[in-house]
Amino acid sequence: MMLILKIPSPLRTYTNGQAEVSVSGGTVASALDSLIQQYPAIKPHLFNEAGTLRPFVNLFVGASNIRDLQGLETTLGENDRLMLIPSIAGG
């Protein structure tokens, strides 16, 4: 199953400037694996050294944060929209 993963501006450097990337996978984890296979340089910006999703990386399936669902094991459907949204802090 192919779906579109929306990439935020700060991370587009690692996807050759693309705002949307086609990825395959039935779960969020497999979709991210597909993204990393295509663009390996993005991995350290999403995952820490232990291989867990960095706390400032938010993934949304539609309007729901995967942290409120089943995390990386959240199932994806054909018509789902997956969006990568990094947290922004400042003052």
N, C-alpha and C. Protein backbone atom coordinates (compact mmCIF):
# COMPACT_ATOMS: atom_id res chain seq x y z
N MET A 1 0.85 -1.18 0.00
CA MET A 1 0.00 0.00 0.00
C MET A 1 0.90 1.24 0.00
N MET A 2 0.62 2.15 -0.90
CA MET A 2 1.37 3.41 -0.98
C MET A 2 0.53 4.53 -0.38
N LEU A 3 1.20 5.41 0.33
CA LEU A 3 0.53 6.60 0.85
C LEU A 3 1.51 7.76 0.85
N ILE A 4 1.00 8.93 1.10
CA ILE A 4 1.81 10.15 1.08
C ILE A 4 2.17 10.55 2.51
N LEU A 5 3.44 10.83 2.71
CA LEU A 5 3.93 11.34 3.99
C LEU A 5 4.32 12.79 3.76
N LYS A 6 3.68 13.69 4.49
CA LYS A 6 3.98 15.11 4.38
C LYS A 6 5.22 15.43 5.22
N ILE A 7 6.17 16.16 4.62
CA ILE A 7 7.43 16.49 5.25
C ILE A 7 7.45 17.98 5.57
N PRO A 8 7.76 18.37 6.81
CA PRO A 8 7.82 19.79 7.16
C PRO A 8 9.06 20.46 6.57
N SER A 9 8.99 21.75 6.40
CA SER A 9 10.08 22.53 5.79
C SER A 9 11.46 22.24 6.39
N PRO A 10 11.62 22.21 7.72
CA PRO A 10 12.96 21.99 8.27
C PRO A 10 13.60 20.65 7.89
N LEU A 11 12.78 19.66 7.54
CA LEU A 11 13.32 18.34 7.21
C LEU A 11 13.41 18.08 5.70
N ARG A 12 12.95 19.00 4.90
CA ARG A 12 12.98 18.80 3.44
C ARG A 12 14.39 18.76 2.87
N THR A 13 15.34 19.29 3.60
CA THR A 13 16.74 19.20 3.19
C THR A 13 17.13 17.73 3.01
N TYR A 14 16.54 16.86 3.81
CA TYR A 14 16.89 15.45 3.80
C TYR A 14 16.04 14.63 2.83
N THR A 15 15.06 15.27 2.19
CA THR A 15 14.23 14.58 1.19
C THR A 15 14.35 15.26 -0.17
N ASN A 16 15.52 15.82 -0.44
CA ASN A 16 15.77 16.51 -1.71
C ASN A 16 14.75 17.62 -1.97
N GLY A 17 14.31 18.28 -0.92
CA GLY A 17 13.39 19.40 -1.04
C GLY A 17 11.94 19.04 -1.22
N GLN A 18 11.62 17.75 -1.18
CA GLN A 18 10.24 17.32 -1.40
C GLN A 18 9.36 17.57 -0.18
N ALA A 19 8.19 18.12 -0.41
CA ALA A 19 7.22 18.37 0.66
C ALA A 19 6.37 17.14 0.93
N GLU A 20 6.27 16.25 -0.05
CA GLU A 20 5.50 15.01 0.09
C GLU A 20 6.33 13.87 -0.49
N VAL A 21 6.33 12.76 0.22
CA VAL A 21 7.08 11.59 -0.21
C VAL A 21 6.12 10.40 -0.22
N SER A 22 6.16 9.62 -1.29
CA SER A 22 5.37 8.38 -1.34
C SER A 22 6.10 7.31 -0.56
N VAL A 23 5.40 6.69 0.37
CA VAL A 23 5.97 5.62 1.18
C VAL A 23 5.02 4.43 1.16
N SER A 24 5.55 3.28 1.46
CA SER A 24 4.71 2.08 1.53
C SER A 24 4.67 1.61 2.97
N GLY A 25 3.61 0.91 3.31
CA GLY A 25 3.52 0.34 4.64
C GLY A 25 2.12 0.31 5.18
N GLY A 26 1.86 -0.70 5.99
CA GLY A 26 0.56 -0.84 6.62
C GLY A 26 0.51 -0.28 8.02
N THR A 27 1.70 0.11 8.55
CA THR A 27 1.78 0.74 9.87
C THR A 27 2.66 1.98 9.76
N VAL A 28 2.61 2.82 10.78
CA VAL A 28 3.47 4.00 10.81
C VAL A 28 4.94 3.58 10.78
N ALA A 29 5.28 2.53 11.53
CA ALA A 29 6.67 2.05 11.56
C ALA A 29 7.15 1.64 10.17
N SER A 30 6.34 0.91 9.43
CA SER A 30 6.76 0.47 8.10
C SER A 30 6.81 1.64 7.12
N ALA A 31 5.94 2.63 7.30
CA ALA A 31 6.00 3.83 6.46
C ALA A 31 7.28 4.61 6.72
N LEU A 32 7.68 4.71 7.99
CA LEU A 32 8.94 5.39 8.31
C LEU A 32 10.14 4.60 7.80
N ASP A 33 10.07 3.28 7.87
CA ASP A 33 11.14 2.45 7.29
C ASP A 33 11.28 2.73 5.80
N SER A 34 10.15 2.85 5.11
CA SER A 34 10.16 3.15 3.68
C SER A 34 10.79 4.52 3.43
N LEU A 35 10.43 5.50 4.25
CA LEU A 35 11.01 6.84 4.14
C LEU A 35 12.53 6.78 4.31
N ILE A 36 12.99 6.07 5.33
CA ILE A 36 14.42 5.99 5.63
C ILE A 36 15.18 5.23 4.56
N GLN A 37 14.55 4.24 3.96
CA GLN A 37 15.19 3.53 2.85
C GLN A 37 15.44 4.48 1.68
N GLN A 38 14.48 5.37 1.44
CA GLN A 38 14.62 6.32 0.33
C GLN A 38 15.56 7.47 0.68
N TYR A 39 15.53 7.90 1.94
CA TYR A 39 16.30 9.07 2.39
C TYR A 39 16.99 8.76 3.72
N PRO A 40 18.07 7.99 3.71
CA PRO A 40 18.73 7.56 4.95
C PRO A 40 19.19 8.71 5.86
N ALA A 41 19.52 9.86 5.29
CA ALA A 41 20.02 10.98 6.09
C ALA A 41 18.98 11.56 7.05
N ILE A 42 17.72 11.22 6.85
CA ILE A 42 16.66 11.76 7.72
C ILE A 42 16.55 10.97 9.04
N LYS A 43 17.06 9.76 9.08
CA LYS A 43 16.88 8.89 10.25
C LYS A 43 17.31 9.52 11.56
N PRO A 44 18.53 10.11 11.68
CA PRO A 44 18.91 10.66 12.99
C PRO A 44 18.06 11.85 13.43
N HIS A 45 17.28 12.41 12.53
CA HIS A 45 16.41 13.53 12.88
C HIS A 45 15.05 13.04 13.39
N LEU A 46 14.79 11.75 13.18
CA LEU A 46 13.53 11.17 13.63
C LEU A 46 13.71 10.24 14.83
N PHE A 47 14.83 9.51 14.85
CA PHE A 47 15.07 8.50 15.88
C PHE A 47 16.34 8.80 16.65
N ASN A 48 16.35 8.45 17.94
CA ASN A 48 17.55 8.62 18.75
C ASN A 48 18.45 7.40 18.59
N GLU A 49 19.57 7.37 19.33
CA GLU A 49 20.55 6.29 19.23
C GLU A 49 19.96 4.94 19.64
N ALA A 50 18.97 4.95 20.51
CA ALA A 50 18.32 3.72 20.97
C ALA A 50 17.28 3.21 19.97
N GLY A 51 17.03 3.99 18.91
CA GLY A 51 16.07 3.57 17.90
C GLY A 51 14.64 3.93 18.19
N THR A 52 14.43 4.78 19.20
CA THR A 52 13.06 5.22 19.50
C THR A 52 12.82 6.60 18.89
N LEU A 53 11.58 6.86 18.62
CA LEU A 53 11.19 8.14 18.03
C LEU A 53 11.56 9.27 18.97
N ARG A 54 12.19 10.28 18.44
CA ARG A 54 12.59 11.43 19.27
C ARG A 54 11.33 12.10 19.83
N PRO A 55 11.42 12.62 21.06
CA PRO A 55 10.23 13.20 21.70
C PRO A 55 9.66 14.42 20.98
N PHE A 56 10.48 15.13 20.22
CA PHE A 56 9.99 16.33 19.54
C PHE A 56 9.42 16.04 18.16
N VAL A 57 9.41 14.78 17.76
CA VAL A 57 8.85 14.39 16.46
C VAL A 57 7.42 13.91 16.69
N ASN A 58 6.49 14.57 16.02
CA ASN A 58 5.08 14.20 16.12
C ASN A 58 4.61 13.71 14.77
N LEU A 59 3.93 12.58 14.78
CA LEU A 59 3.35 12.02 13.57
C LEU A 59 1.85 11.97 13.75
N PHE A 60 1.15 12.45 12.75
CA PHE A 60 -0.30 12.49 12.79
C PHE A 60 -0.87 11.64 11.67
N VAL A 61 -1.86 10.84 12.00
CA VAL A 61 -2.67 10.12 11.02
C VAL A 61 -3.98 10.88 11.00
N GLY A 62 -4.21 11.63 9.93
CA GLY A 62 -5.34 12.54 9.92
C GLY A 62 -5.12 13.59 10.99
N ALA A 63 -6.08 13.73 11.91
CA ALA A 63 -5.98 14.72 12.97
C ALA A 63 -5.48 14.12 14.29
N SER A 64 -5.14 12.82 14.29
CA SER A 64 -4.75 12.15 15.54
C SER A 64 -3.25 11.92 15.62
N ASN A 65 -2.67 12.32 16.75
CA ASN A 65 -1.26 12.07 17.02
C ASN A 65 -1.10 10.58 17.29
N ILE A 66 -0.09 9.95 16.68
CA ILE A 66 0.09 8.51 16.88
C ILE A 66 0.37 8.17 18.34
N ARG A 67 0.86 9.14 19.12
CA ARG A 67 1.11 8.90 20.54
C ARG A 67 -0.21 8.65 21.29
N ASP A 68 -1.33 9.14 20.72
CA ASP A 68 -2.64 8.92 21.31
C ASP A 68 -3.31 7.68 20.73
N LEU A 69 -2.66 7.04 19.76
CA LEU A 69 -3.19 5.83 19.13
C LEU A 69 -2.32 4.65 19.59
N GLN A 70 -1.79 3.89 18.65
CA GLN A 70 -0.93 2.75 18.99
C GLN A 70 0.54 3.02 18.70
N GLY A 71 0.93 4.30 18.71
CA GLY A 71 2.32 4.66 18.45
C GLY A 71 2.76 4.25 17.07
N LEU A 72 3.98 3.75 16.97
CA LEU A 72 4.52 3.35 15.67
C LEU A 72 3.78 2.17 15.07
N GLU A 73 3.05 1.43 15.89
CA GLU A 73 2.28 0.28 15.39
C GLU A 73 0.87 0.67 14.93
N THR A 74 0.58 1.96 14.88
CA THR A 74 -0.71 2.44 14.38
C THR A 74 -0.90 1.96 12.94
N THR A 75 -2.03 1.34 12.68
CA THR A 75 -2.35 0.83 11.35
C THR A 75 -2.75 1.97 10.43
N LEU A 76 -2.29 1.87 9.19
CA LEU A 76 -2.62 2.88 8.18
C LEU A 76 -3.54 2.28 7.14
N GLY A 77 -4.53 3.08 6.73
CA GLY A 77 -5.43 2.68 5.66
C GLY A 77 -5.08 3.39 4.37
N GLU A 78 -5.66 2.95 3.28
CA GLU A 78 -5.37 3.51 1.96
C GLU A 78 -5.56 5.02 1.87
N ASN A 79 -6.57 5.52 2.53
CA ASN A 79 -6.91 6.94 2.40
C ASN A 79 -6.38 7.80 3.54
N ASP A 80 -5.57 7.20 4.43
CA ASP A 80 -5.03 7.97 5.55
C ASP A 80 -3.96 8.95 5.06
N ARG A 81 -3.87 10.06 5.77
CA ARG A 81 -2.82 11.06 5.52
C ARG A 81 -1.88 11.01 6.70
N LEU A 82 -0.60 10.82 6.42
CA LEU A 82 0.42 10.78 7.46
C LEU A 82 1.23 12.07 7.38
N MET A 83 1.29 12.80 8.49
CA MET A 83 2.03 14.07 8.52
C MET A 83 3.07 14.03 9.62
N LEU A 84 4.25 14.47 9.27
CA LEU A 84 5.38 14.58 10.19
C LEU A 84 5.47 16.03 10.61
N ILE A 85 5.34 16.28 11.92
CA ILE A 85 5.33 17.66 12.42
C ILE A 85 6.29 17.75 13.60
N PRO A 86 7.43 18.44 13.41
CA PRO A 86 8.34 18.58 14.54
C PRO A 86 7.81 19.64 15.52
N SER A 87 8.09 19.42 16.80
CA SER A 87 7.73 20.43 17.81
C SER A 87 8.64 21.62 17.64
N ILE A 88 8.12 22.78 17.89
CA ILE A 88 8.91 24.00 17.80
C ILE A 88 8.87 24.69 19.15
N ALA A 89 10.05 25.03 19.63
CA ALA A 89 10.15 25.71 20.93
C ALA A 89 10.90 27.03 20.72
N GLY A 90 10.66 27.91 21.58
CA GLY A 90 11.35 29.21 21.50
C GLY A 90 10.80 30.15 22.53
N GLY A 91 11.39 31.27 22.57
CA GLY A 91 10.88 32.19 23.57
C GLY A 91 11.27 33.60 23.27
